[in-house]
Amino acid sequence: MHSIKSGRLSVVGTGMMLGAHITPIAKSYIEEADIVFASVSHSASEAWLSSLNPNFYSLQQFYGEGRSREQTYALMVETVLSAVNDGKSVCAAFYGHPGVFAWAPHELVREARRLSIEVAFEPGISAEDCLYTDLGIDPGDVGCQHFAASQFMYHQRRVDPSAYLVIWQPAMAGDLSMTRFEPDARYLRLLVELLLETYPAGHKVVLYEAATLPFADMRSDEVLLEKLAEQPMAMHTTLVIPPSQPLKRNLEMIERIKSLSEKA
């Protein structure tokens, strides 16, 4: 890792939809930076960012067949911090929310703070934000659990079937090498097998993708859990599993609360 001498760093989210989901402060960091690095969803987003600041460089070049995503993210961090080391005001812009399912932005901020670099970390509208409005889900209604697909498979997790379960990046399920860019039905069947320990085979689940362009539609495909492994998915597809059981009231706790209220 380079030794940082000077410079400033801002790490911002561009939101999900091109030009529409970015905050004013994040946009100002992009416009005012000496140099902008970005990892965004498609070439149209790159073109829009370069119109805000012509000194623009894409971080997508670091993705490649056979290269693990860990290596890719490390190269992104090294490249951005190298520019800060040169004394520049640097903005690193990331698709969606830079703090949600994004290792490189967090590592940039951690390393900058460790080296006492002036750093700003600004959110953007995430896929999770869009999910709640697109699918009409209030996470405060019955509760909502979120897990990355592979993490969910690698660890023993306690799932509450009376709440929503959101599985992020199911297409990458079981990718120990972190080199896959396409779903593999073999690993998806293992994910389904794990989910069947909690949910019935005929339970309806949703494959969701937020819209990223103004003229595009979001994806919301309802399928049976037992058929999930055969469905088309992209890296940005999210699996949403509605509750399969009603909430159960904790009558003992309710009585204890009532007792406290009566004494107040």
C-alpha atoms as a PDB file:
ATOM      1  CA  MET A   1       0.000   0.000   0.000  1.00  0.00           C
ATOM      2  CA  HIS A   2       1.278   3.471  -0.857  1.00  0.00           C
ATOM      3  CA  SER A   3       2.256   5.853   1.939  1.00  0.00           C
ATOM      4  CA  ILE A   4      -0.163   8.761   1.697  1.00  0.00           C
ATOM      5  CA  LYS A   5       1.511  12.173   1.887  1.00  0.00           C
ATOM      6  CA  SER A   6      -1.300  14.572   1.081  1.00  0.00           C
ATOM      7  CA  GLY A   7      -4.456  14.988  -0.908  1.00  0.00           C
ATOM      8  CA  ARG A   8      -8.103  14.536  -0.086  1.00  0.00           C
ATOM      9  CA  LEU A   9     -10.538  11.700  -0.718  1.00  0.00           C
ATOM     10  CA  SER A  10     -14.294  11.548  -1.136  1.00  0.00           C
ATOM     11  CA  VAL A  11     -16.077   8.213  -1.557  1.00  0.00           C
ATOM     12  CA  VAL A  12     -19.607   8.630  -2.889  1.00  0.00           C
ATOM     13  CA  GLY A  13     -22.571   6.641  -4.172  1.00  0.00           C
ATOM     14  CA  THR A  14     -24.130   7.426  -7.544  1.00  0.00           C
ATOM     15  CA  GLY A  15     -27.421   5.706  -6.684  1.00  0.00           C
ATOM     16  CA  MET A  16     -29.223   3.097  -8.749  1.00  0.00           C
ATOM     17  CA  MET A  17     -30.828   5.127 -11.545  1.00  0.00           C
ATOM     18  CA  LEU A  18     -28.625   7.127 -13.868  1.00  0.00           C
ATOM     19  CA  GLY A  19     -28.482  10.760 -12.767  1.00  0.00           C
ATOM     20  CA  ALA A  20     -31.618  10.508 -10.617  1.00  0.00           C
ATOM     21  CA  HIS A  21     -30.498   8.879  -7.364  1.00  0.00           C
ATOM     22  CA  ILE A  22     -27.369  10.850  -6.549  1.00  0.00           C
ATOM     23  CA  THR A  23     -27.334  13.374  -3.709  1.00  0.00           C
ATOM     24  CA  PRO A  24     -26.365  17.019  -4.346  1.00  0.00           C
ATOM     25  CA  ILE A  25     -23.302  16.742  -2.101  1.00  0.00           C
ATOM     26  CA  ALA A  26     -22.067  13.575  -3.849  1.00  0.00           C
ATOM     27  CA  LYS A  27     -22.502  15.287  -7.216  1.00  0.00           C
ATOM     28  CA  SER A  28     -20.540  18.313  -5.992  1.00  0.00           C
ATOM     29  CA  TYR A  29     -17.641  16.088  -4.883  1.00  0.00           C
ATOM     30  CA  ILE A  30     -17.539  14.582  -8.382  1.00  0.00           C
ATOM     31  CA  GLU A  31     -17.637  17.964 -10.098  1.00  0.00           C
ATOM     32  CA  GLU A  32     -14.985  19.573  -7.892  1.00  0.00           C
ATOM     33  CA  ALA A  33     -12.448  16.718  -7.735  1.00  0.00           C
ATOM     34  CA  ASP A  34      -9.091  16.878  -9.516  1.00  0.00           C
ATOM     35  CA  ILE A  35      -9.699  13.319 -10.641  1.00  0.00           C
ATOM     36  CA  VAL A  36     -12.674  10.932 -10.500  1.00  0.00           C
ATOM     37  CA  PHE A  37     -12.460   7.148 -10.379  1.00  0.00           C
ATOM     38  CA  ALA A  38     -15.678   5.177 -10.747  1.00  0.00           C
ATOM     39  CA  SER A  39     -17.064   1.680 -10.613  1.00  0.00           C
ATOM     40  CA  VAL A  40     -20.589   1.936 -12.001  1.00  0.00           C
ATOM     41  CA  SER A  41     -23.138  -0.315 -13.657  1.00  0.00           C
ATOM     42  CA  HIS A  42     -22.854   0.524 -17.364  1.00  0.00           C
ATOM     43  CA  SER A  43     -21.237   2.730 -19.998  1.00  0.00           C
ATOM     44  CA  ALA A  44     -24.090   5.254 -19.913  1.00  0.00           C
ATOM     45  CA  SER A  45     -23.293   5.976 -16.269  1.00  0.00           C
ATOM     46  CA  GLU A  46     -19.621   6.379 -17.114  1.00  0.00           C
ATOM     47  CA  ALA A  47     -20.499   8.835 -19.903  1.00  0.00           C
ATOM     48  CA  TRP A  48     -22.682  10.855 -17.529  1.00  0.00           C
ATOM     49  CA  LEU A  49     -19.953  10.988 -14.870  1.00  0.00           C
ATOM     50  CA  SER A  50     -17.347  12.073 -17.427  1.00  0.00           C
ATOM     51  CA  SER A  51     -19.699  14.910 -18.431  1.00  0.00           C
ATOM     52  CA  LEU A  52     -19.585  16.116 -14.814  1.00  0.00           C
ATOM     53  CA  ASN A  53     -15.807  15.843 -14.645  1.00  0.00           C
ATOM     54  CA  PRO A  54     -13.732  15.118 -17.772  1.00  0.00           C
ATOM     55  CA  ASN A  55     -10.790  13.887 -15.681  1.00  0.00           C
ATOM     56  CA  PHE A  56     -12.541  10.538 -15.258  1.00  0.00           C
ATOM     57  CA  TYR A  57     -11.178   7.000 -15.096  1.00  0.00           C
ATOM     58  CA  SER A  58     -13.151   3.770 -14.980  1.00  0.00           C
ATOM     59  CA  LEU A  59     -12.289   1.156 -12.359  1.00  0.00           C
ATOM     60  CA  GLN A  60     -14.187  -1.500 -14.325  1.00  0.00           C
ATOM     61  CA  GLN A  61     -10.961  -2.286 -16.210  1.00  0.00           C
ATOM     62  CA  PHE A  62      -9.770  -4.265 -13.194  1.00  0.00           C
ATOM     63  CA  TYR A  63     -12.459  -6.921 -13.593  1.00  0.00           C
ATOM     64  CA  GLY A  64     -11.324  -9.873 -15.692  1.00  0.00           C
ATOM     65  CA  GLU A  65     -11.881 -13.558 -16.331  1.00  0.00           C
ATOM     66  CA  GLY A  66      -9.862 -15.665 -13.909  1.00  0.00           C
ATOM     67  CA  ARG A  67      -9.089 -12.740 -11.599  1.00  0.00           C
ATOM     68  CA  SER A  68     -10.759 -12.979  -8.210  1.00  0.00           C
ATOM     69  CA  ARG A  69     -12.922 -10.099  -7.110  1.00  0.00           C
ATOM     70  CA  GLU A  70     -10.664  -9.759  -4.061  1.00  0.00           C
ATOM     71  CA  GLN A  71      -7.753  -8.957  -6.393  1.00  0.00           C
ATOM     72  CA  THR A  72      -9.933  -6.578  -8.384  1.00  0.00           C
ATOM     73  CA  TYR A  73     -11.020  -4.645  -5.308  1.00  0.00           C
ATOM     74  CA  ALA A  74      -7.427  -4.443  -4.030  1.00  0.00           C
ATOM     75  CA  LEU A  75      -6.319  -2.951  -7.354  1.00  0.00           C
ATOM     76  CA  MET A  76      -9.129  -0.393  -7.157  1.00  0.00           C
ATOM     77  CA  VAL A  77      -8.051   0.687  -3.679  1.00  0.00           C
ATOM     78  CA  GLU A  78      -4.381   0.869  -4.680  1.00  0.00           C
ATOM     79  CA  THR A  79      -5.149   2.970  -7.761  1.00  0.00           C
ATOM     80  CA  VAL A  80      -7.335   5.491  -5.939  1.00  0.00           C
ATOM     81  CA  LEU A  81      -4.935   5.913  -3.017  1.00  0.00           C
ATOM     82  CA  SER A  82      -2.036   6.355  -5.414  1.00  0.00           C
ATOM     83  CA  ALA A  83      -3.750   9.451  -6.815  1.00  0.00           C
ATOM     84  CA  VAL A  84      -4.335  10.781  -3.291  1.00  0.00           C
ATOM     85  CA  ASN A  85      -0.630  10.168  -2.652  1.00  0.00           C
ATOM     86  CA  ASP A  86       0.121  12.522  -5.531  1.00  0.00           C
ATOM     87  CA  GLY A  87      -1.599  15.320  -3.612  1.00  0.00           C
ATOM     88  CA  LYS A  88      -4.807  15.341  -5.636  1.00  0.00           C
ATOM     89  CA  SER A  89      -8.376  15.878  -4.519  1.00  0.00           C
ATOM     90  CA  VAL A  90      -9.791  12.497  -5.493  1.00  0.00           C
ATOM     91  CA  CYS A  91     -13.383  11.303  -5.752  1.00  0.00           C
ATOM     92  CA  ALA A  92     -14.173   7.583  -5.912  1.00  0.00           C
ATOM     93  CA  ALA A  93     -17.729   7.027  -7.116  1.00  0.00           C
ATOM     94  CA  PHE A  94     -19.500   3.693  -6.774  1.00  0.00           C
ATOM     95  CA  TYR A  95     -22.762   2.344  -8.149  1.00  0.00           C
ATOM     96  CA  GLY A  96     -25.675   2.440  -5.695  1.00  0.00           C
ATOM     97  CA  HIS A  97     -24.665   2.967  -2.075  1.00  0.00           C
ATOM     98  CA  PRO A  98     -20.888   2.841  -1.457  1.00  0.00           C
ATOM     99  CA  GLY A  99     -21.383   1.331   1.986  1.00  0.00           C
ATOM    100  CA  VAL A 100     -23.706  -1.529   0.993  1.00  0.00           C
ATOM    101  CA  PHE A 101     -22.204  -4.813  -0.276  1.00  0.00           C
ATOM    102  CA  ALA A 102     -19.089  -2.926  -1.324  1.00  0.00           C
ATOM    103  CA  TRP A 103     -15.692  -3.887   0.131  1.00  0.00           C
ATOM    104  CA  ALA A 104     -13.525  -1.469  -1.844  1.00  0.00           C
ATOM    105  CA  PRO A 105     -15.245   1.761  -0.680  1.00  0.00           C
ATOM    106  CA  HIS A 106     -15.075   0.683   2.964  1.00  0.00           C
ATOM    107  CA  GLU A 107     -11.399  -0.255   2.590  1.00  0.00           C
ATOM    108  CA  LEU A 108     -10.641   3.115   0.990  1.00  0.00           C
ATOM    109  CA  VAL A 109     -12.236   4.930   3.912  1.00  0.00           C
ATOM    110  CA  ARG A 110     -10.561   2.684   6.515  1.00  0.00           C
ATOM    111  CA  GLU A 111      -7.119   3.160   4.965  1.00  0.00           C
ATOM    112  CA  ALA A 112      -7.550   6.913   4.517  1.00  0.00           C
ATOM    113  CA  ARG A 113      -8.614   7.352   8.142  1.00  0.00           C
ATOM    114  CA  ARG A 114      -5.766   5.167   9.342  1.00  0.00           C
ATOM    115  CA  LEU A 115      -3.364   7.506   7.529  1.00  0.00           C
ATOM    116  CA  SER A 116      -5.141  10.648   8.815  1.00  0.00           C
ATOM    117  CA  ILE A 117      -6.317  11.612   5.326  1.00  0.00           C
ATOM    118  CA  GLU A 118      -9.196  14.034   4.998  1.00  0.00           C
ATOM    119  CA  VAL A 119     -12.033  11.795   3.781  1.00  0.00           C
ATOM    120  CA  ALA A 120     -15.757  12.138   3.103  1.00  0.00           C
ATOM    121  CA  PHE A 121     -18.065   9.115   2.798  1.00  0.00           C
ATOM    122  CA  GLU A 122     -21.439   9.890   1.205  1.00  0.00           C
ATOM    123  CA  PRO A 123     -24.398   7.535   0.631  1.00  0.00           C
ATOM    124  CA  GLY A 124     -26.434   6.969  -2.499  1.00  0.00           C
ATOM    125  CA  ILE A 125     -29.838   5.393  -3.058  1.00  0.00           C
ATOM    126  CA  SER A 126     -29.266   1.638  -2.864  1.00  0.00           C
ATOM    127  CA  ALA A 127     -30.981  -1.401  -4.359  1.00  0.00           C
ATOM    128  CA  GLU A 128     -32.450  -2.006  -0.909  1.00  0.00           C
ATOM    129  CA  ASP A 129     -34.063   1.459  -0.928  1.00  0.00           C
ATOM    130  CA  CYS A 130     -35.577   0.785  -4.351  1.00  0.00           C
ATOM    131  CA  LEU A 131     -36.697  -2.699  -3.324  1.00  0.00           C
ATOM    132  CA  TYR A 132     -38.931  -1.385  -0.537  1.00  0.00           C
ATOM    133  CA  THR A 133     -40.832   0.984  -2.830  1.00  0.00           C
ATOM    134  CA  ASP A 134     -40.865  -1.197  -5.957  1.00  0.00           C
ATOM    135  CA  LEU A 135     -42.220  -4.238  -4.082  1.00  0.00           C
ATOM    136  CA  GLY A 136     -44.292  -2.292  -1.561  1.00  0.00           C
ATOM    137  CA  ILE A 137     -42.496  -3.702   1.482  1.00  0.00           C
ATOM    138  CA  ASP A 138     -42.289  -1.878   4.789  1.00  0.00           C
ATOM    139  CA  PRO A 139     -39.394  -3.460   6.741  1.00  0.00           C
ATOM    140  CA  GLY A 140     -40.959  -2.237   9.958  1.00  0.00           C
ATOM    141  CA  ASP A 141     -44.156  -4.205   9.331  1.00  0.00           C
ATOM    142  CA  VAL A 142     -43.048  -7.762  10.141  1.00  0.00           C
ATOM    143  CA  GLY A 143     -39.274  -7.285  10.064  1.00  0.00           C
ATOM    144  CA  CYS A 144     -36.636  -7.911   7.406  1.00  0.00           C
ATOM    145  CA  GLN A 145     -33.487 -10.060   7.404  1.00  0.00           C
ATOM    146  CA  HIS A 146     -30.623  -9.485   4.954  1.00  0.00           C
ATOM    147  CA  PHE A 147     -27.820 -11.882   4.034  1.00  0.00           C
ATOM    148  CA  ALA A 148     -25.361 -12.249   1.182  1.00  0.00           C
ATOM    149  CA  ALA A 149     -26.064 -15.584  -0.507  1.00  0.00           C
ATOM    150  CA  SER A 150     -22.628 -17.127   0.007  1.00  0.00           C
ATOM    151  CA  GLN A 151     -22.321 -15.884   3.591  1.00  0.00           C
ATOM    152  CA  PHE A 152     -25.748 -17.360   4.275  1.00  0.00           C
ATOM    153  CA  MET A 153     -24.520 -20.719   2.959  1.00  0.00           C
ATOM    154  CA  TYR A 154     -21.146 -20.695   4.720  1.00  0.00           C
ATOM    155  CA  HIS A 155     -22.500 -19.985   8.200  1.00  0.00           C
ATOM    156  CA  GLN A 156     -25.258 -21.311  10.428  1.00  0.00           C
ATOM    157  CA  ARG A 157     -27.885 -18.570  10.488  1.00  0.00           C
ATOM    158  CA  ARG A 158     -31.178 -18.434  12.373  1.00  0.00           C
ATOM    159  CA  VAL A 159     -33.954 -17.525   9.936  1.00  0.00           C
ATOM    160  CA  ASP A 160     -37.284 -16.144  11.132  1.00  0.00           C
ATOM    161  CA  PRO A 161     -39.956 -17.308   8.640  1.00  0.00           C
ATOM    162  CA  SER A 162     -42.415 -14.720   9.984  1.00  0.00           C
ATOM    163  CA  ALA A 163     -40.227 -11.887   8.591  1.00  0.00           C
ATOM    164  CA  TYR A 164     -39.011 -11.088   5.094  1.00  0.00           C
ATOM    165  CA  LEU A 165     -35.728 -12.711   4.077  1.00  0.00           C
ATOM    166  CA  VAL A 166     -33.621 -10.866   1.477  1.00  0.00           C
ATOM    167  CA  ILE A 167     -30.762 -12.822  -0.116  1.00  0.00           C
ATOM    168  CA  TRP A 168     -28.288 -10.625  -1.993  1.00  0.00           C
ATOM    169  CA  GLN A 169     -26.390 -11.821  -5.063  1.00  0.00           C
ATOM    170  CA  PRO A 170     -27.912 -15.316  -5.264  1.00  0.00           C
ATOM    171  CA  ALA A 171     -26.301 -15.717  -8.699  1.00  0.00           C
ATOM    172  CA  MET A 172     -22.917 -15.804  -6.928  1.00  0.00           C
ATOM    173  CA  ALA A 173     -24.021 -18.400  -4.363  1.00  0.00           C
ATOM    174  CA  GLY A 174     -21.204 -20.699  -3.280  1.00  0.00           C
ATOM    175  CA  ASP A 175     -18.467 -18.881  -5.218  1.00  0.00           C
ATOM    176  CA  LEU A 176     -15.494 -19.748  -2.997  1.00  0.00           C
ATOM    177  CA  SER A 177     -13.012 -18.603  -5.660  1.00  0.00           C
ATOM    178  CA  MET A 178     -14.728 -15.211  -6.156  1.00  0.00           C
ATOM    179  CA  THR A 179     -14.049 -15.516  -9.898  1.00  0.00           C
ATOM    180  CA  ARG A 180     -17.500 -16.347 -11.247  1.00  0.00           C
ATOM    181  CA  PHE A 181     -19.577 -13.793 -13.122  1.00  0.00           C
ATOM    182  CA  GLU A 182     -22.435 -16.114 -14.105  1.00  0.00           C
ATOM    183  CA  PRO A 183     -24.834 -18.201 -11.981  1.00  0.00           C
ATOM    184  CA  ASP A 184     -24.264 -21.938 -11.646  1.00  0.00           C
ATOM    185  CA  ALA A 185     -27.404 -24.027 -11.100  1.00  0.00           C
ATOM    186  CA  ARG A 186     -25.464 -26.600  -9.059  1.00  0.00           C
ATOM    187  CA  TYR A 187     -24.711 -24.078  -6.330  1.00  0.00           C
ATOM    188  CA  LEU A 188     -28.158 -22.539  -6.565  1.00  0.00           C
ATOM    189  CA  ARG A 189     -29.664 -25.951  -5.880  1.00  0.00           C
ATOM    190  CA  LEU A 190     -27.600 -26.090  -2.683  1.00  0.00           C
ATOM    191  CA  LEU A 191     -28.979 -22.677  -1.715  1.00  0.00           C
ATOM    192  CA  VAL A 192     -32.519 -23.907  -2.402  1.00  0.00           C
ATOM    193  CA  GLU A 193     -31.850 -27.049  -0.346  1.00  0.00           C
ATOM    194  CA  LEU A 194     -30.807 -24.862   2.567  1.00  0.00           C
ATOM    195  CA  LEU A 195     -33.860 -22.617   2.237  1.00  0.00           C
ATOM    196  CA  LEU A 196     -36.151 -25.654   2.115  1.00  0.00           C
ATOM    197  CA  GLU A 197     -35.156 -26.362   5.721  1.00  0.00           C
ATOM    198  CA  THR A 198     -37.278 -23.325   6.623  1.00  0.00           C
ATOM    199  CA  TYR A 199     -39.742 -22.764   3.773  1.00  0.00           C
ATOM    200  CA  PRO A 200     -42.106 -25.081   1.869  1.00  0.00           C
ATOM    201  CA  ALA A 201     -41.170 -26.028  -1.697  1.00  0.00           C
ATOM    202  CA  GLY A 202     -44.265 -24.291  -3.065  1.00  0.00           C
ATOM    203  CA  HIS A 203     -43.542 -20.993  -1.307  1.00  0.00           C
ATOM    204  CA  LYS A 204     -43.571 -18.052  -3.721  1.00  0.00           C
ATOM    205  CA  VAL A 205     -40.400 -15.940  -3.825  1.00  0.00           C
ATOM    206  CA  VAL A 206     -39.431 -12.891  -5.881  1.00  0.00           C
ATOM    207  CA  LEU A 207     -36.412 -12.252  -8.100  1.00  0.00           C
ATOM    208  CA  TYR A 208     -35.862  -8.503  -8.046  1.00  0.00           C
ATOM    209  CA  GLU A 209     -33.703  -6.074 -10.018  1.00  0.00           C
ATOM    210  CA  ALA A 210     -33.918  -2.303  -9.597  1.00  0.00           C
ATOM    211  CA  ALA A 211     -34.202  -0.140 -12.713  1.00  0.00           C
ATOM    212  CA  THR A 212     -30.924   1.620 -13.527  1.00  0.00           C
ATOM    213  CA  LEU A 213     -32.030   3.710 -16.519  1.00  0.00           C
ATOM    214  CA  PRO A 214     -35.037   6.080 -16.751  1.00  0.00           C
ATOM    215  CA  PHE A 215     -36.572   4.143 -19.668  1.00  0.00           C
ATOM    216  CA  ALA A 216     -35.988   0.696 -18.100  1.00  0.00           C
ATOM    217  CA  ASP A 217     -38.373  -1.334 -15.951  1.00  0.00           C
ATOM    218  CA  MET A 218     -37.516  -3.001 -12.680  1.00  0.00           C
ATOM    219  CA  ARG A 219     -37.687  -6.794 -12.526  1.00  0.00           C
ATOM    220  CA  SER A 220     -40.109  -8.497 -10.173  1.00  0.00           C
ATOM    221  CA  ASP A 221     -40.560 -12.163 -11.118  1.00  0.00           C
ATOM    222  CA  GLU A 222     -42.537 -14.380  -8.757  1.00  0.00           C
ATOM    223  CA  VAL A 223     -41.423 -18.030  -8.815  1.00  0.00           C
ATOM    224  CA  LEU A 224     -41.782 -21.118  -6.642  1.00  0.00           C
ATOM    225  CA  LEU A 225     -38.858 -21.725  -4.314  1.00  0.00           C
ATOM    226  CA  GLU A 226     -38.377 -25.246  -5.675  1.00  0.00           C
ATOM    227  CA  LYS A 227     -37.933 -23.795  -9.204  1.00  0.00           C
ATOM    228  CA  LEU A 228     -35.459 -21.088  -8.191  1.00  0.00           C
ATOM    229  CA  ALA A 229     -32.253 -22.744  -9.425  1.00  0.00           C
ATOM    230  CA  GLU A 230     -33.478 -22.815 -13.031  1.00  0.00           C
ATOM    231  CA  GLN A 231     -34.365 -19.102 -13.218  1.00  0.00           C
ATOM    232  CA  PRO A 232     -32.214 -16.562 -15.117  1.00  0.00           C
ATOM    233  CA  MET A 233     -30.202 -14.298 -12.821  1.00  0.00           C
ATOM    234  CA  ALA A 234     -27.582 -11.582 -13.074  1.00  0.00           C
ATOM    235  CA  MET A 235     -24.984 -10.505 -10.522  1.00  0.00           C
ATOM    236  CA  HIS A 236     -27.315  -7.714  -9.368  1.00  0.00           C
ATOM    237  CA  THR A 237     -30.401  -9.938  -8.973  1.00  0.00           C
ATOM    238  CA  THR A 238     -31.817 -10.045  -5.432  1.00  0.00           C
ATOM    239  CA  LEU A 239     -33.928 -12.842  -3.946  1.00  0.00           C
ATOM    240  CA  VAL A 240     -36.820 -11.701  -1.759  1.00  0.00           C
ATOM    241  CA  ILE A 241     -38.624 -14.325   0.328  1.00  0.00           C
ATOM    242  CA  PRO A 242     -41.907 -13.193   1.906  1.00  0.00           C
ATOM    243  CA  PRO A 243     -42.948 -14.577   5.303  1.00  0.00           C
ATOM    244  CA  SER A 244     -44.266 -18.130   5.271  1.00  0.00           C
ATOM    245  CA  GLN A 245     -45.666 -17.964   8.811  1.00  0.00           C
ATOM    246  CA  PRO A 246     -47.604 -15.327  10.771  1.00  0.00           C
ATOM    247  CA  LEU A 247     -46.062 -13.420  13.654  1.00  0.00           C
ATOM    248  CA  LYS A 248     -46.496 -15.115  17.028  1.00  0.00           C
ATOM    249  CA  ARG A 249     -47.257 -12.831  19.943  1.00  0.00           C
ATOM    250  CA  ASN A 250     -45.056 -13.104  23.014  1.00  0.00           C
ATOM    251  CA  LEU A 251     -47.888 -13.125  25.547  1.00  0.00           C
ATOM    252  CA  GLU A 252     -45.593 -13.453  28.552  1.00  0.00           C
ATOM    253  CA  MET A 253     -43.601 -10.355  27.567  1.00  0.00           C
ATOM    254  CA  ILE A 254     -46.786  -8.402  26.813  1.00  0.00           C
ATOM    255  CA  GLU A 255     -48.083  -9.156  30.327  1.00  0.00           C
ATOM    256  CA  ARG A 256     -44.787  -8.020  31.871  1.00  0.00           C
ATOM    257  CA  ILE A 257     -44.971  -4.765  29.867  1.00  0.00           C
ATOM    258  CA  LYS A 258     -48.541  -4.231  31.002  1.00  0.00           C
ATOM    259  CA  SER A 259     -47.491  -4.824  34.588  1.00  0.00           C
ATOM    260  CA  LEU A 260     -44.787  -2.157  34.317  1.00  0.00           C
ATOM    261  CA  SER A 261     -47.255   0.265  32.724  1.00  0.00           C
ATOM    262  CA  GLU A 262     -49.748  -0.230  35.549  1.00  0.00           C
ATOM    263  CA  LYS A 263     -47.068   0.555  38.148  1.00  0.00           C
ATOM    264  CA  ALA A 264     -45.924   3.722  36.376  1.00  0.00           C
END
